[in-house]
Amino acid sequence: MNTRAITSTALAAALTVAALITAPRAHAATGPVTSGNGWKLQTNITHTDGQPLTIAFHDTTSRTKLTPYVKNVAAELTSYGIPVTLTTRIVPTTVGTCPPDHTISYRWISKPNPDRPNQSFTGTCALKAATYSAYVYINSDYWAPGRRFHEWQRMNVLWHESGHAVGLAHPTTCPRNSAGLQPLMCGDPYKDLRTRRYSSFDATGLRRLVLNRAYYPLP
């Protein structure tokens, strides 16, 4: 029987990580590459299985509020070899429960983690060490009047959590590239409103999720 594992990651204002729930994994013949300069994969994920991921939403409010953002997220992830398709599907989420296979369901909600009211978070599911599905809880307070969050910060949050959803973790180190930017999975590298926000470090990790497929037999 196949077992799905859930890794819980979180994003506060300073992009902090929450606890790992469980992390069983399969073994490759020679071993995939799971970390490098400025990037790292989640403990129980080494690769994507090649099947397209589908973006859905917890409810119609989440769909209305988040579609303009995740449309661009999907396009950028696809450009790195991880096919992601945006849909209008409603797939309700429950923390600790994997969404349907190859589905990332986004929820827009105030203070999803009451213990850390500025936090958003992601639960990523794995099957045989491959990304299986995920739920992404985005804190709607980032849009609340008077909270003084910038649009570039909201965009960074969406891209950061989506990176967790496909298998990226917070890197062990946070170097700077030639433009002086750190990995998005470390912090807030982009303060403008570009629609592509992963740094070269993050992009390497995303491509590695695809390349690591070579270490596993085809189903």
N, C-alpha and C. Protein backbone atom coordinates (compact mmCIF):
# COMPACT_ATOMS: atom_id res chain seq x y z
N MET A 1 0.85 -1.20 0.00
CA MET A 1 0.00 0.00 0.00
C MET A 1 0.88 1.24 0.00
N ASN A 2 0.57 2.18 -0.88
CA ASN A 2 1.33 3.41 -0.95
C ASN A 2 0.97 4.33 0.21
N THR A 3 1.95 5.00 0.76
CA THR A 3 1.73 5.92 1.87
C THR A 3 2.08 7.33 1.44
N ARG A 4 1.18 8.26 1.70
CA ARG A 4 1.46 9.66 1.39
C ARG A 4 1.92 10.34 2.66
N ALA A 5 2.97 11.13 2.54
CA ALA A 5 3.50 11.86 3.69
C ALA A 5 3.21 13.34 3.49
N ILE A 6 2.97 14.03 4.58
CA ILE A 6 2.70 15.47 4.52
C ILE A 6 3.82 16.20 5.21
N THR A 7 4.42 17.15 4.50
CA THR A 7 5.39 18.06 5.09
C THR A 7 4.72 19.41 5.24
N SER A 8 4.78 19.97 6.42
CA SER A 8 4.15 21.27 6.67
C SER A 8 5.22 22.34 6.69
N THR A 9 5.07 23.36 5.84
CA THR A 9 5.99 24.49 5.83
C THR A 9 5.20 25.76 6.03
N ALA A 10 5.86 26.78 6.52
CA ALA A 10 5.12 27.99 6.89
C ALA A 10 5.88 29.23 6.48
N LEU A 11 5.14 30.34 6.34
CA LEU A 11 5.72 31.62 5.98
C LEU A 11 5.16 32.69 6.88
N ALA A 12 5.99 33.24 7.75
CA ALA A 12 5.62 34.40 8.55
C ALA A 12 6.13 35.63 7.81
N ALA A 13 6.04 36.79 8.46
CA ALA A 13 6.52 38.00 7.81
C ALA A 13 8.00 37.87 7.46
N ALA A 14 8.75 37.12 8.27
CA ALA A 14 10.18 36.93 8.01
C ALA A 14 10.46 35.61 7.31
N LEU A 15 9.43 34.95 6.76
CA LEU A 15 9.57 33.71 6.03
C LEU A 15 10.22 32.63 6.89
N THR A 16 9.53 32.22 7.93
CA THR A 16 10.04 31.19 8.82
C THR A 16 9.40 29.85 8.51
N VAL A 17 10.04 28.76 8.94
CA VAL A 17 9.56 27.43 8.59
C VAL A 17 8.97 26.76 9.83
N ALA A 18 7.90 25.97 9.63
CA ALA A 18 7.28 25.23 10.72
C ALA A 18 7.83 23.82 10.78
N ALA A 19 7.18 22.96 11.55
CA ALA A 19 7.73 21.64 11.83
C ALA A 19 7.45 20.65 10.71
N LEU A 20 8.33 19.67 10.60
CA LEU A 20 8.14 18.55 9.70
C LEU A 20 7.24 17.54 10.39
N ILE A 21 6.17 17.11 9.71
CA ILE A 21 5.26 16.16 10.32
C ILE A 21 5.77 14.74 10.17
N THR A 22 6.06 14.33 8.96
CA THR A 22 6.56 12.97 8.73
C THR A 22 7.29 12.93 7.41
N ALA A 23 8.21 12.00 7.25
CA ALA A 23 9.03 12.04 6.05
C ALA A 23 9.54 10.67 5.62
N PRO A 24 8.69 9.69 5.33
CA PRO A 24 9.18 8.47 4.71
C PRO A 24 9.58 8.73 3.27
N ARG A 25 10.48 7.95 2.70
CA ARG A 25 10.91 8.20 1.34
C ARG A 25 11.39 6.91 0.69
N ALA A 26 11.33 6.92 -0.63
CA ALA A 26 11.85 5.79 -1.38
C ALA A 26 13.34 5.97 -1.60
N HIS A 27 14.02 4.92 -2.06
CA HIS A 27 15.45 4.98 -2.28
C HIS A 27 15.78 4.87 -3.76
N ALA A 28 16.64 5.73 -4.24
CA ALA A 28 17.07 5.67 -5.63
C ALA A 28 18.32 4.81 -5.74
N ALA A 29 18.62 4.40 -6.96
CA ALA A 29 19.75 3.50 -7.18
C ALA A 29 21.07 4.16 -6.79
N THR A 30 21.31 5.38 -7.25
CA THR A 30 22.56 6.07 -6.94
C THR A 30 22.34 7.33 -6.12
N GLY A 31 21.12 7.72 -5.98
CA GLY A 31 20.82 8.86 -5.13
C GLY A 31 20.64 10.15 -5.89
N PRO A 32 19.48 10.79 -5.79
CA PRO A 32 19.24 12.08 -6.43
C PRO A 32 19.97 13.20 -5.69
N VAL A 33 20.11 14.34 -6.33
CA VAL A 33 20.70 15.53 -5.71
C VAL A 33 19.58 16.32 -5.07
N THR A 34 19.69 16.57 -3.78
CA THR A 34 18.58 17.21 -3.06
C THR A 34 18.91 18.59 -2.49
N SER A 35 20.12 19.08 -2.70
CA SER A 35 20.46 20.43 -2.23
C SER A 35 21.65 20.95 -3.01
N GLY A 36 21.83 22.25 -2.96
CA GLY A 36 22.94 22.88 -3.65
C GLY A 36 23.10 24.31 -3.15
N ASN A 37 23.83 25.11 -3.88
CA ASN A 37 24.08 26.48 -3.48
C ASN A 37 22.79 27.30 -3.53
N GLY A 38 22.23 27.61 -2.36
CA GLY A 38 21.04 28.45 -2.30
C GLY A 38 19.73 27.75 -2.56
N TRP A 39 19.72 26.41 -2.57
CA TRP A 39 18.45 25.71 -2.76
C TRP A 39 18.48 24.37 -2.03
N LYS A 40 17.30 23.89 -1.68
CA LYS A 40 17.19 22.59 -1.00
C LYS A 40 15.79 22.04 -1.23
N LEU A 41 15.69 20.71 -1.35
CA LEU A 41 14.40 20.06 -1.49
C LEU A 41 13.89 19.63 -0.12
N GLN A 42 12.58 19.49 -0.01
CA GLN A 42 12.00 19.04 1.24
C GLN A 42 12.47 17.62 1.56
N THR A 43 12.46 17.28 2.84
CA THR A 43 13.06 16.03 3.30
C THR A 43 12.47 14.80 2.65
N ASN A 44 11.18 14.77 2.43
CA ASN A 44 10.55 13.57 1.89
C ASN A 44 10.25 13.66 0.40
N ILE A 45 10.82 14.65 -0.28
CA ILE A 45 10.59 14.84 -1.71
C ILE A 45 11.92 14.93 -2.43
N THR A 46 12.07 14.17 -3.50
CA THR A 46 13.28 14.25 -4.31
C THR A 46 13.01 14.63 -5.75
N HIS A 47 11.75 14.48 -6.22
CA HIS A 47 11.50 14.69 -7.64
C HIS A 47 10.01 14.92 -7.90
N THR A 48 9.71 15.32 -9.12
CA THR A 48 8.33 15.32 -9.61
C THR A 48 8.18 14.09 -10.50
N ASP A 49 6.96 13.58 -10.60
CA ASP A 49 6.76 12.35 -11.37
C ASP A 49 6.41 12.59 -12.83
N GLY A 50 6.40 13.86 -13.25
CA GLY A 50 6.15 14.17 -14.65
C GLY A 50 4.70 14.44 -14.98
N GLN A 51 3.79 14.11 -14.08
CA GLN A 51 2.38 14.38 -14.33
C GLN A 51 2.06 15.84 -14.01
N PRO A 52 1.23 16.48 -14.81
CA PRO A 52 0.90 17.89 -14.57
C PRO A 52 0.21 18.08 -13.22
N LEU A 53 0.54 19.19 -12.57
CA LEU A 53 -0.14 19.59 -11.34
C LEU A 53 -1.27 20.56 -11.70
N THR A 54 -2.37 20.47 -10.98
CA THR A 54 -3.53 21.31 -11.23
C THR A 54 -3.76 22.24 -10.05
N ILE A 55 -3.92 23.52 -10.32
CA ILE A 55 -4.26 24.48 -9.28
C ILE A 55 -5.77 24.58 -9.15
N ALA A 56 -6.26 24.41 -7.90
CA ALA A 56 -7.67 24.57 -7.58
C ALA A 56 -7.78 25.51 -6.37
N PHE A 57 -9.00 25.73 -5.89
CA PHE A 57 -9.22 26.69 -4.81
C PHE A 57 -10.20 26.12 -3.78
N HIS A 58 -9.99 26.55 -2.53
CA HIS A 58 -10.84 26.07 -1.45
C HIS A 58 -12.30 26.51 -1.62
N ASP A 59 -12.49 27.74 -2.09
CA ASP A 59 -13.85 28.27 -2.27
C ASP A 59 -13.81 29.37 -3.33
N THR A 60 -14.97 29.93 -3.62
CA THR A 60 -15.03 30.93 -4.69
C THR A 60 -14.31 32.22 -4.31
N THR A 61 -14.31 32.58 -3.03
CA THR A 61 -13.59 33.78 -2.61
C THR A 61 -12.10 33.60 -2.84
N SER A 62 -11.57 32.46 -2.46
CA SER A 62 -10.14 32.18 -2.69
C SER A 62 -9.83 32.24 -4.18
N ARG A 63 -10.71 31.71 -5.00
CA ARG A 63 -10.49 31.72 -6.44
C ARG A 63 -10.45 33.14 -6.98
N THR A 64 -11.38 33.97 -6.54
CA THR A 64 -11.42 35.35 -7.02
C THR A 64 -10.19 36.14 -6.59
N LYS A 65 -9.79 35.99 -5.34
CA LYS A 65 -8.70 36.78 -4.80
C LYS A 65 -7.32 36.32 -5.31
N LEU A 66 -7.15 35.03 -5.51
CA LEU A 66 -5.79 34.51 -5.77
C LEU A 66 -5.51 34.16 -7.22
N THR A 67 -6.52 34.04 -8.06
CA THR A 67 -6.28 33.68 -9.46
C THR A 67 -5.29 34.59 -10.16
N PRO A 68 -5.37 35.92 -10.00
CA PRO A 68 -4.40 36.78 -10.71
C PRO A 68 -2.95 36.47 -10.35
N TYR A 69 -2.71 35.98 -9.14
CA TYR A 69 -1.36 35.66 -8.70
C TYR A 69 -0.93 34.28 -9.19
N VAL A 70 -1.75 33.28 -8.92
CA VAL A 70 -1.32 31.90 -9.23
C VAL A 70 -1.27 31.65 -10.73
N LYS A 71 -1.93 32.47 -11.51
CA LYS A 71 -1.81 32.36 -12.97
C LYS A 71 -0.35 32.54 -13.38
N ASN A 72 0.30 33.54 -12.81
CA ASN A 72 1.70 33.78 -13.12
C ASN A 72 2.62 32.76 -12.47
N VAL A 73 2.27 32.31 -11.27
CA VAL A 73 3.05 31.26 -10.62
C VAL A 73 3.06 30.01 -11.50
N ALA A 74 1.89 29.62 -11.99
CA ALA A 74 1.78 28.43 -12.82
C ALA A 74 2.64 28.55 -14.07
N ALA A 75 2.63 29.73 -14.68
CA ALA A 75 3.42 29.93 -15.90
C ALA A 75 4.90 29.81 -15.62
N GLU A 76 5.36 30.37 -14.50
CA GLU A 76 6.78 30.30 -14.21
C GLU A 76 7.22 28.89 -13.85
N LEU A 77 6.45 28.18 -13.03
CA LEU A 77 6.80 26.81 -12.70
C LEU A 77 6.85 25.93 -13.96
N THR A 78 5.89 26.14 -14.85
CA THR A 78 5.87 25.38 -16.10
C THR A 78 7.12 25.64 -16.93
N SER A 79 7.60 26.86 -16.89
CA SER A 79 8.79 27.21 -17.68
C SER A 79 10.04 26.49 -17.19
N TYR A 80 10.03 26.01 -15.94
CA TYR A 80 11.17 25.28 -15.40
C TYR A 80 10.99 23.77 -15.50
N GLY A 81 9.96 23.34 -16.23
CA GLY A 81 9.77 21.92 -16.48
C GLY A 81 8.80 21.24 -15.55
N ILE A 82 8.12 22.00 -14.68
CA ILE A 82 7.10 21.44 -13.79
C ILE A 82 5.75 21.93 -14.30
N PRO A 83 5.06 21.12 -15.10
CA PRO A 83 3.81 21.60 -15.70
C PRO A 83 2.72 21.82 -14.67
N VAL A 84 2.21 23.05 -14.63
CA VAL A 84 1.17 23.43 -13.68
C VAL A 84 0.05 24.11 -14.47
N THR A 85 -1.18 23.63 -14.28
CA THR A 85 -2.34 24.15 -14.99
C THR A 85 -3.29 24.82 -14.02
N LEU A 86 -3.68 26.04 -14.33
CA LEU A 86 -4.65 26.77 -13.52
C LEU A 86 -6.06 26.39 -13.93
N THR A 87 -6.92 26.04 -12.96
CA THR A 87 -8.31 25.73 -13.23
C THR A 87 -9.20 26.61 -12.36
N THR A 88 -10.50 26.46 -12.54
CA THR A 88 -11.47 27.16 -11.69
C THR A 88 -12.10 26.19 -10.68
N ARG A 89 -11.55 25.00 -10.56
CA ARG A 89 -12.12 23.97 -9.69
C ARG A 89 -12.15 24.41 -8.23
N ILE A 90 -13.17 23.99 -7.50
CA ILE A 90 -13.26 24.19 -6.06
C ILE A 90 -12.93 22.86 -5.39
N VAL A 91 -11.85 22.86 -4.61
CA VAL A 91 -11.41 21.66 -3.88
C VAL A 91 -11.18 22.09 -2.43
N PRO A 92 -12.16 21.92 -1.56
CA PRO A 92 -11.99 22.34 -0.16
C PRO A 92 -10.80 21.65 0.50
N THR A 93 -10.13 22.37 1.39
CA THR A 93 -8.93 21.86 2.04
C THR A 93 -9.14 21.70 3.54
N THR A 94 -8.41 20.75 4.10
CA THR A 94 -8.36 20.55 5.54
C THR A 94 -6.90 20.35 5.92
N VAL A 95 -6.42 21.09 6.90
CA VAL A 95 -5.03 20.96 7.31
C VAL A 95 -4.77 19.53 7.77
N GLY A 96 -3.69 18.95 7.24
CA GLY A 96 -3.32 17.59 7.60
C GLY A 96 -3.89 16.53 6.69
N THR A 97 -4.71 16.93 5.70
CA THR A 97 -5.29 15.99 4.75
C THR A 97 -4.82 16.33 3.34
N CYS A 98 -4.30 15.34 2.63
CA CYS A 98 -3.82 15.58 1.27
C CYS A 98 -4.99 15.86 0.32
N PRO A 99 -4.90 16.89 -0.51
CA PRO A 99 -5.88 17.08 -1.58
C PRO A 99 -5.79 15.93 -2.58
N PRO A 100 -6.70 15.86 -3.53
CA PRO A 100 -6.63 14.82 -4.56
C PRO A 100 -5.28 14.85 -5.29
N ASP A 101 -4.95 13.72 -5.90
CA ASP A 101 -3.62 13.58 -6.51
C ASP A 101 -3.36 14.67 -7.55
N HIS A 102 -2.15 15.22 -7.49
CA HIS A 102 -1.65 16.24 -8.42
C HIS A 102 -2.50 17.51 -8.42
N THR A 103 -3.04 17.83 -7.24
CA THR A 103 -3.82 19.05 -7.07
C THR A 103 -3.17 19.92 -6.00
N ILE A 104 -3.03 21.20 -6.30
CA ILE A 104 -2.62 22.19 -5.30
C ILE A 104 -3.83 23.08 -5.05
N SER A 105 -4.38 23.02 -3.84
CA SER A 105 -5.56 23.82 -3.52
C SER A 105 -5.16 25.00 -2.65
N TYR A 106 -5.54 26.20 -3.07
CA TYR A 106 -5.21 27.44 -2.38
C TYR A 106 -6.42 27.93 -1.59
N ARG A 107 -6.14 28.39 -0.36
CA ARG A 107 -7.19 28.97 0.47
C ARG A 107 -6.77 30.36 0.94
N TRP A 108 -7.65 31.34 0.79
CA TRP A 108 -7.45 32.74 1.20
C TRP A 108 -8.27 32.93 2.47
N ILE A 109 -7.60 33.12 3.63
CA ILE A 109 -8.30 33.12 4.90
C ILE A 109 -7.53 33.99 5.91
N SER A 110 -8.25 34.67 6.77
CA SER A 110 -7.62 35.51 7.79
C SER A 110 -7.00 34.64 8.88
N LYS A 111 -5.75 34.94 9.19
CA LYS A 111 -5.02 34.27 10.27
C LYS A 111 -5.18 32.74 10.25
N PRO A 112 -4.73 32.08 9.19
CA PRO A 112 -4.88 30.62 9.13
C PRO A 112 -4.20 29.89 10.27
N ASN A 113 -3.15 30.49 10.82
CA ASN A 113 -2.50 29.94 12.01
C ASN A 113 -2.66 30.95 13.14
N PRO A 114 -3.67 30.79 14.02
CA PRO A 114 -3.93 31.78 15.07
C PRO A 114 -2.74 32.00 16.00
N ASP A 115 -1.89 30.99 16.15
CA ASP A 115 -0.73 31.14 17.01
C ASP A 115 0.32 32.07 16.41
N ARG A 116 0.29 32.20 15.09
CA ARG A 116 1.21 33.09 14.38
C ARG A 116 0.38 33.89 13.38
N PRO A 117 -0.25 34.96 13.82
CA PRO A 117 -1.27 35.63 13.01
C PRO A 117 -0.78 36.28 11.73
N ASN A 118 0.53 36.45 11.57
CA ASN A 118 1.05 37.02 10.33
C ASN A 118 1.48 35.95 9.33
N GLN A 119 1.19 34.70 9.63
CA GLN A 119 1.77 33.60 8.87
C GLN A 119 0.83 33.06 7.79
N SER A 120 1.43 32.63 6.68
CA SER A 120 0.79 31.75 5.71
C SER A 120 1.53 30.42 5.80
N PHE A 121 0.96 29.35 5.25
CA PHE A 121 1.67 28.07 5.32
C PHE A 121 1.22 27.13 4.22
N THR A 122 2.01 26.09 4.03
CA THR A 122 1.76 25.08 3.00
C THR A 122 1.93 23.70 3.58
N GLY A 123 1.07 22.79 3.20
CA GLY A 123 1.25 21.37 3.50
C GLY A 123 1.49 20.64 2.20
N THR A 124 2.64 20.00 2.06
CA THR A 124 3.02 19.33 0.82
C THR A 124 2.98 17.83 1.01
N CYS A 125 2.32 17.13 0.11
CA CYS A 125 2.17 15.69 0.20
C CYS A 125 3.10 15.00 -0.79
N ALA A 126 3.67 13.87 -0.36
CA ALA A 126 4.60 13.11 -1.19
C ALA A 126 4.16 11.67 -1.30
N LEU A 127 4.39 11.07 -2.46
CA LEU A 127 4.13 9.65 -2.68
C LEU A 127 5.35 9.06 -3.37
N LYS A 128 6.01 8.08 -2.73
CA LYS A 128 7.22 7.47 -3.27
C LYS A 128 8.26 8.54 -3.59
N ALA A 129 8.41 9.51 -2.70
CA ALA A 129 9.40 10.58 -2.78
C ALA A 129 9.12 11.60 -3.88
N ALA A 130 7.96 11.52 -4.51
CA ALA A 130 7.58 12.50 -5.54
C ALA A 130 6.49 13.42 -5.01
N THR A 131 6.49 14.65 -5.48
CA THR A 131 5.42 15.58 -5.14
C THR A 131 4.08 14.99 -5.55
N TYR A 132 3.13 14.95 -4.62
CA TYR A 132 1.83 14.33 -4.87
C TYR A 132 0.71 15.37 -4.96
N SER A 133 0.58 16.21 -3.93
CA SER A 133 -0.42 17.27 -3.91
C SER A 133 -0.06 18.23 -2.78
N ALA A 134 -0.82 19.30 -2.64
CA ALA A 134 -0.51 20.27 -1.59
C ALA A 134 -1.72 21.16 -1.32
N TYR A 135 -1.75 21.71 -0.10
CA TYR A 135 -2.69 22.78 0.21
C TYR A 135 -1.88 24.01 0.61
N VAL A 136 -2.33 25.18 0.19
CA VAL A 136 -1.64 26.43 0.46
C VAL A 136 -2.63 27.39 1.13
N TYR A 137 -2.32 27.81 2.35
CA TYR A 137 -3.16 28.74 3.09
C TYR A 137 -2.49 30.12 3.05
N ILE A 138 -3.14 31.06 2.40
CA ILE A 138 -2.63 32.42 2.27
C ILE A 138 -3.39 33.33 3.21
N ASN A 139 -2.66 34.07 4.02
CA ASN A 139 -3.27 34.95 5.02
C ASN A 139 -3.89 36.17 4.35
N SER A 140 -5.21 36.26 4.40
CA SER A 140 -5.90 37.37 3.75
C SER A 140 -5.62 38.71 4.42
N ASP A 141 -5.06 38.69 5.63
CA ASP A 141 -4.74 39.94 6.31
C ASP A 141 -3.69 40.75 5.56
N TYR A 142 -2.95 40.10 4.67
CA TYR A 142 -1.95 40.84 3.87
C TYR A 142 -2.62 41.89 2.98
N TRP A 143 -3.92 41.72 2.72
CA TRP A 143 -4.68 42.66 1.89
C TRP A 143 -5.54 43.60 2.73
N ALA A 144 -5.54 43.43 4.03
CA ALA A 144 -6.43 44.21 4.90
C ALA A 144 -6.01 45.68 4.94
N PRO A 145 -6.96 46.61 4.89
CA PRO A 145 -6.64 48.04 5.00
C PRO A 145 -5.92 48.31 6.33
N GLY A 146 -4.89 49.12 6.25
CA GLY A 146 -4.17 49.49 7.45
C GLY A 146 -3.04 48.56 7.83
N ARG A 147 -2.93 47.39 7.17
CA ARG A 147 -1.88 46.45 7.51
C ARG A 147 -0.54 46.83 6.86
N ARG A 148 -0.56 47.67 5.86
CA ARG A 148 0.64 48.22 5.24
C ARG A 148 1.52 47.16 4.55
N PHE A 149 0.91 46.09 4.08
CA PHE A 149 1.65 45.14 3.25
C PHE A 149 1.70 45.66 1.83
N HIS A 150 2.87 45.55 1.19
CA HIS A 150 3.02 45.98 -0.19
C HIS A 150 2.62 44.86 -1.15
N GLU A 151 2.27 45.24 -2.36
CA GLU A 151 1.91 44.23 -3.35
C GLU A 151 3.07 43.28 -3.64
N TRP A 152 4.29 43.80 -3.67
CA TRP A 152 5.43 42.92 -3.93
C TRP A 152 5.59 41.89 -2.81
N GLN A 153 5.23 42.25 -1.58
CA GLN A 153 5.31 41.29 -0.48
C GLN A 153 4.26 40.19 -0.65
N ARG A 154 3.06 40.59 -1.06
CA ARG A 154 2.02 39.58 -1.29
C ARG A 154 2.43 38.63 -2.40
N MET A 155 3.03 39.18 -3.46
CA MET A 155 3.49 38.33 -4.55
C MET A 155 4.58 37.37 -4.08
N ASN A 156 5.51 37.87 -3.29
CA ASN A 156 6.58 37.02 -2.78
C ASN A 156 6.02 35.87 -1.94
N VAL A 157 5.01 36.17 -1.13
CA VAL A 157 4.38 35.13 -0.31
C VAL A 157 3.78 34.04 -1.20
N LEU A 158 3.03 34.45 -2.22
CA LEU A 158 2.39 33.47 -3.10
C LEU A 158 3.41 32.59 -3.80
N TRP A 159 4.48 33.20 -4.30
CA TRP A 159 5.52 32.43 -5.01
C TRP A 159 6.28 31.53 -4.03
N HIS A 160 6.58 32.06 -2.85
CA HIS A 160 7.31 31.30 -1.84
C HIS A 160 6.51 30.05 -1.44
N GLU A 161 5.24 30.22 -1.09
CA GLU A 161 4.43 29.08 -0.68
C GLU A 161 4.23 28.09 -1.82
N SER A 162 4.13 28.58 -3.03
CA SER A 162 3.99 27.69 -4.18
C SER A 162 5.27 26.89 -4.40
N GLY A 163 6.42 27.49 -4.10
CA GLY A 163 7.67 26.74 -4.15
C GLY A 163 7.64 25.57 -3.18
N HIS A 164 7.12 25.80 -1.97
CA HIS A 164 6.96 24.71 -1.02
C HIS A 164 6.00 23.65 -1.58
N ALA A 165 4.94 24.09 -2.24
CA ALA A 165 3.91 23.16 -2.72
C ALA A 165 4.46 22.15 -3.72
N VAL A 166 5.46 22.54 -4.50
CA VAL A 166 6.02 21.61 -5.49
C VAL A 166 7.23 20.87 -4.97
N GLY A 167 7.75 21.25 -3.77
CA GLY A 167 8.83 20.46 -3.19
C GLY A 167 10.04 21.20 -2.68
N LEU A 168 10.10 22.52 -2.82
CA LEU A 168 11.25 23.26 -2.32
C LEU A 168 11.15 23.50 -0.82
N ALA A 169 12.30 23.50 -0.15
CA ALA A 169 12.39 23.84 1.27
C ALA A 169 13.16 25.15 1.41
N HIS A 170 13.30 25.64 2.64
CA HIS A 170 14.16 26.79 2.89
C HIS A 170 15.62 26.34 2.76
N PRO A 171 16.43 27.04 1.99
CA PRO A 171 17.84 26.63 1.83
C PRO A 171 18.61 26.69 3.14
N THR A 172 19.68 25.92 3.20
CA THR A 172 20.56 25.94 4.37
C THR A 172 21.31 27.26 4.44
N THR A 173 21.72 27.77 3.29
CA THR A 173 22.41 29.05 3.21
C THR A 173 21.69 29.95 2.23
N CYS A 174 21.88 31.25 2.37
CA CYS A 174 21.17 32.22 1.53
C CYS A 174 22.18 33.14 0.84
N PRO A 175 22.86 32.65 -0.19
CA PRO A 175 23.84 33.48 -0.90
C PRO A 175 23.14 34.53 -1.76
N ARG A 176 23.94 35.39 -2.36
CA ARG A 176 23.42 36.40 -3.29
C ARG A 176 23.97 36.14 -4.68
N ASN A 177 23.15 36.35 -5.68
CA ASN A 177 23.62 36.18 -7.05
C ASN A 177 24.28 37.46 -7.56
N SER A 178 24.59 37.50 -8.83
CA SER A 178 25.31 38.65 -9.39
C SER A 178 24.51 39.94 -9.31
N ALA A 179 23.19 39.79 -9.18
CA ALA A 179 22.33 40.98 -9.05
C ALA A 179 22.11 41.35 -7.59
N GLY A 180 22.74 40.61 -6.67
CA GLY A 180 22.61 40.91 -5.26
C GLY A 180 21.36 40.34 -4.62
N LEU A 181 20.70 39.41 -5.31
CA LEU A 181 19.44 38.87 -4.82
C LEU A 181 19.63 37.53 -4.15
N GLN A 182 18.94 37.31 -3.03
CA GLN A 182 18.94 36.03 -2.36
C GLN A 182 17.81 35.15 -2.89
N PRO A 183 17.85 33.85 -2.60
CA PRO A 183 16.75 32.98 -3.04
C PRO A 183 15.41 33.44 -2.47
N LEU A 184 14.36 33.34 -3.26
CA LEU A 184 13.03 33.66 -2.77
C LEU A 184 12.65 32.76 -1.61
N MET A 185 13.14 31.51 -1.59
CA MET A 185 12.81 30.59 -0.52
C MET A 185 13.53 30.96 0.78
N CYS A 186 14.39 31.98 0.73
CA CYS A 186 15.03 32.53 1.94
C CYS A 186 14.31 33.76 2.46
N GLY A 187 13.85 34.62 1.56
CA GLY A 187 13.32 35.89 2.01
C GLY A 187 12.61 36.66 0.92
N ASP A 188 12.79 37.96 0.89
CA ASP A 188 12.09 38.85 -0.05
C ASP A 188 13.07 39.47 -1.04
N PRO A 189 13.45 38.74 -2.09
CA PRO A 189 14.46 39.31 -2.98
C PRO A 189 13.93 40.37 -3.95
N TYR A 190 12.65 40.31 -4.31
CA TYR A 190 12.14 41.22 -5.34
C TYR A 190 11.17 42.22 -4.74
N LYS A 191 11.47 43.49 -4.91
CA LYS A 191 10.60 44.54 -4.40
C LYS A 191 9.89 45.30 -5.53
N ASP A 192 10.08 44.80 -6.77
CA ASP A 192 9.32 45.38 -7.87
C ASP A 192 8.16 44.43 -8.18
N LEU A 193 7.44 44.66 -9.26
CA LEU A 193 6.23 43.90 -9.53
C LEU A 193 6.39 43.00 -10.75
N ARG A 194 7.57 42.43 -10.95
CA ARG A 194 7.76 41.48 -12.05
C ARG A 194 6.89 40.24 -11.81
N THR A 195 6.46 39.61 -12.90
CA THR A 195 5.59 38.45 -12.79
C THR A 195 6.37 37.14 -12.72
N ARG A 196 7.70 37.20 -12.81
CA ARG A 196 8.55 36.03 -12.58
C ARG A 196 9.41 36.37 -11.37
N ARG A 197 9.33 35.56 -10.32
CA ARG A 197 9.93 35.97 -9.06
C ARG A 197 10.93 34.98 -8.47
N TYR A 198 11.04 33.78 -9.01
CA TYR A 198 12.04 32.86 -8.49
C TYR A 198 13.43 33.31 -8.94
N SER A 199 14.37 33.27 -8.00
CA SER A 199 15.75 33.65 -8.33
C SER A 199 16.43 32.52 -9.09
N SER A 200 17.64 32.75 -9.53
CA SER A 200 18.40 31.70 -10.22
C SER A 200 18.65 30.51 -9.29
N PHE A 201 18.77 30.75 -7.99
CA PHE A 201 18.97 29.67 -7.02
C PHE A 201 17.71 28.80 -6.95
N ASP A 202 16.56 29.45 -6.80
CA ASP A 202 15.30 28.71 -6.75
C ASP A 202 15.07 27.93 -8.04
N ALA A 203 15.39 28.56 -9.16
CA ALA A 203 15.20 27.91 -10.46
C ALA A 203 16.03 26.64 -10.57
N THR A 204 17.24 26.65 -10.01
CA THR A 204 18.07 25.45 -10.02
C THR A 204 17.39 24.32 -9.24
N GLY A 205 16.82 24.63 -8.09
CA GLY A 205 16.11 23.63 -7.31
C GLY A 205 14.90 23.09 -8.04
N LEU A 206 14.16 23.95 -8.72
CA LEU A 206 12.99 23.51 -9.48
C LEU A 206 13.40 22.60 -10.63
N ARG A 207 14.47 22.96 -11.32
CA ARG A 207 14.93 22.10 -12.41
C ARG A 207 15.44 20.76 -11.87
N ARG A 208 16.03 20.77 -10.68
CA ARG A 208 16.55 19.54 -10.10
C ARG A 208 15.40 18.58 -9.76
N LEU A 209 14.24 19.11 -9.35
CA LEU A 209 13.08 18.26 -9.12
C LEU A 209 12.73 17.46 -10.38
N VAL A 210 12.95 18.07 -11.53
CA VAL A 210 12.69 17.39 -12.80
C VAL A 210 13.82 16.42 -13.14
N LEU A 211 15.07 16.86 -13.00
CA LEU A 211 16.21 16.03 -13.36
C LEU A 211 16.31 14.79 -12.48
N ASN A 212 15.91 14.89 -11.24
CA ASN A 212 16.01 13.75 -10.32
C ASN A 212 15.11 12.58 -10.74
N ARG A 213 14.18 12.83 -11.63
CA ARG A 213 13.31 11.78 -12.12
C ARG A 213 14.12 10.64 -12.74
N ALA A 214 15.29 10.96 -13.26
CA ALA A 214 16.11 9.96 -13.94
C ALA A 214 16.57 8.86 -12.99
N TYR A 215 16.54 9.11 -11.68
CA TYR A 215 17.01 8.13 -10.70
C TYR A 215 15.94 7.11 -10.34
N TYR A 216 14.74 7.26 -10.88
CA TYR A 216 13.63 6.40 -10.50
C TYR A 216 13.09 5.66 -11.73
N PRO A 217 12.73 4.40 -11.58
CA PRO A 217 12.16 3.65 -12.72
C PRO A 217 10.82 4.21 -13.12
N LEU A 218 10.50 4.11 -14.39
CA LEU A 218 9.21 4.56 -14.86
C LEU A 218 8.12 3.65 -14.31
N PRO A 219 6.94 4.18 -14.00
CA PRO A 219 5.87 3.34 -13.46
C PRO A 219 5.38 2.32 -14.48
